[in-house]
Amino acid sequence: MAAGPPKKNAATSAAPVRVAREVAGRGGKGVSVISGLPLATAQLETLAATLKRSCGAGGATKNGRIEIQGDHRDRLVAELRKLGYDAKRSGG
C-alpha cells in the first residue's frame, strides 16, 4: 500500500508546524519552508509532492524540511490544516 498524506488524527506533534519564507542563499528568490513535521523521510517526500502540486510549483525536501519555490505560505497553511496539522505562518 502506498504511503499517502497522513489522516486527520495522525498529527501528533507537540509543536506546531511552521511555514516561513526564506531568501537567504538563493540569489533573492524566495521559497516557502515548512518545518516541524513529525514525519519520516518517505512520508515527507510524499507530502512534499502533494503540496507542490497544490501550489503548482517546484520544490524539494532538505534536512527534514520541505521547501516550495515561491511565496505560498497562506495556501500551504490551509492545505496542512486540511490534513490535520497545527500549521502556523511564521515570519513577516
Protein backbone atom coordinates (compact mmCIF):
# COMPACT_ATOMS: atom_id res chain seq x y z
CA MET A 1 0.00 0.00 0.00
CA ALA A 2 1.40 3.41 -0.94
CA ALA A 3 2.04 5.91 1.81
CA GLY A 4 -0.31 8.85 1.28
CA PRO A 5 -0.83 12.02 3.26
CA PRO A 6 -1.47 11.36 6.95
CA LYS A 7 -5.00 11.11 8.29
CA LYS A 8 -6.51 13.95 10.30
CA ASN A 9 -5.88 12.21 13.63
CA ALA A 10 -2.26 11.38 12.75
CA ALA A 11 -0.91 14.84 13.57
CA THR A 12 0.61 14.24 16.97
CA SER A 13 3.35 16.85 17.04
CA ALA A 14 3.68 18.81 20.29
CA ALA A 15 4.98 21.91 18.48
CA PRO A 16 3.06 23.44 15.60
CA VAL A 17 4.22 23.11 12.03
CA ARG A 18 5.79 26.38 10.88
CA VAL A 19 5.51 27.81 7.37
CA ALA A 20 8.03 30.58 6.70
CA ARG A 21 9.59 32.39 3.73
CA GLU A 22 13.34 32.38 3.18
CA VAL A 23 15.50 34.12 0.58
CA ALA A 24 19.00 33.72 2.07
CA GLY A 25 21.48 31.98 -0.22
CA ARG A 26 19.08 31.75 -3.14
CA GLY A 27 20.01 34.82 -5.17
CA GLY A 28 16.99 36.78 -3.94
CA LYS A 29 14.47 34.14 -4.98
CA GLY A 30 12.15 33.24 -2.12
CA VAL A 31 10.97 29.82 -1.05
CA SER A 32 8.30 28.77 1.41
CA VAL A 33 9.82 26.50 4.06
CA ILE A 34 7.75 24.04 6.11
CA SER A 35 9.43 22.82 9.28
CA GLY A 36 8.39 20.88 12.37
CA LEU A 37 6.69 17.98 10.58
CA PRO A 38 6.78 14.75 12.62
CA LEU A 39 7.28 12.52 9.57
CA ALA A 40 9.80 10.00 8.27
CA THR A 41 11.72 10.83 5.09
CA ALA A 42 9.45 8.81 2.77
CA GLN A 43 6.30 10.41 4.21
CA LEU A 44 7.92 13.85 3.95
CA GLU A 45 8.63 13.27 0.24
CA THR A 46 5.02 12.18 -0.36
CA LEU A 47 3.63 15.21 1.46
CA ALA A 48 6.03 17.49 -0.44
CA ALA A 49 4.76 16.12 -3.77
CA THR A 50 1.16 16.78 -2.71
CA LEU A 51 1.94 20.34 -1.59
CA LYS A 52 3.96 21.12 -4.73
CA ARG A 53 1.01 20.00 -6.87
CA SER A 54 -1.44 22.16 -4.90
CA CYS A 55 0.82 25.22 -5.34
CA GLY A 56 1.78 24.47 -8.94
CA ALA A 57 5.43 24.98 -8.05
CA GLY A 58 8.66 23.05 -7.71
CA GLY A 59 10.45 22.28 -4.50
CA ALA A 60 12.50 19.81 -2.51
CA THR A 61 12.93 18.18 0.87
CA LYS A 62 16.12 19.08 2.72
CA ASN A 63 17.19 18.37 6.30
CA GLY A 64 13.70 17.31 7.41
CA ARG A 65 12.10 20.42 5.90
CA ILE A 66 10.01 20.96 2.78
CA GLU A 67 10.94 23.86 0.51
CA ILE A 68 8.42 25.07 -2.08
CA GLN A 69 9.54 27.62 -4.68
CA GLY A 70 7.79 30.98 -4.33
CA ASP A 71 5.73 32.58 -1.59
CA HIS A 72 2.82 30.17 -1.00
CA ARG A 73 2.59 30.47 2.79
CA ASP A 74 -1.16 31.07 3.05
CA ARG A 75 -2.04 28.24 0.67
CA LEU A 76 0.37 25.85 2.42
CA VAL A 77 -1.04 26.65 5.87
CA ALA A 78 -4.57 25.98 4.57
CA GLU A 79 -3.54 22.67 2.96
CA LEU A 80 -1.69 21.49 6.06
CA ARG A 81 -4.66 22.35 8.29
CA LYS A 82 -6.93 20.34 5.97
CA LEU A 83 -4.57 17.40 6.52
CA GLY A 84 -4.88 17.79 10.31
CA TYR A 85 -1.64 19.58 11.17
CA ASP A 86 -1.48 22.53 13.56
CA ALA A 87 0.17 24.75 10.94
CA LYS A 88 1.04 28.37 11.60
CA ARG A 89 2.53 31.04 9.39
CA SER A 90 5.79 32.39 10.75
CA GLY A 91 7.76 35.46 9.79
CA GLY A 92 6.52 38.68 8.23
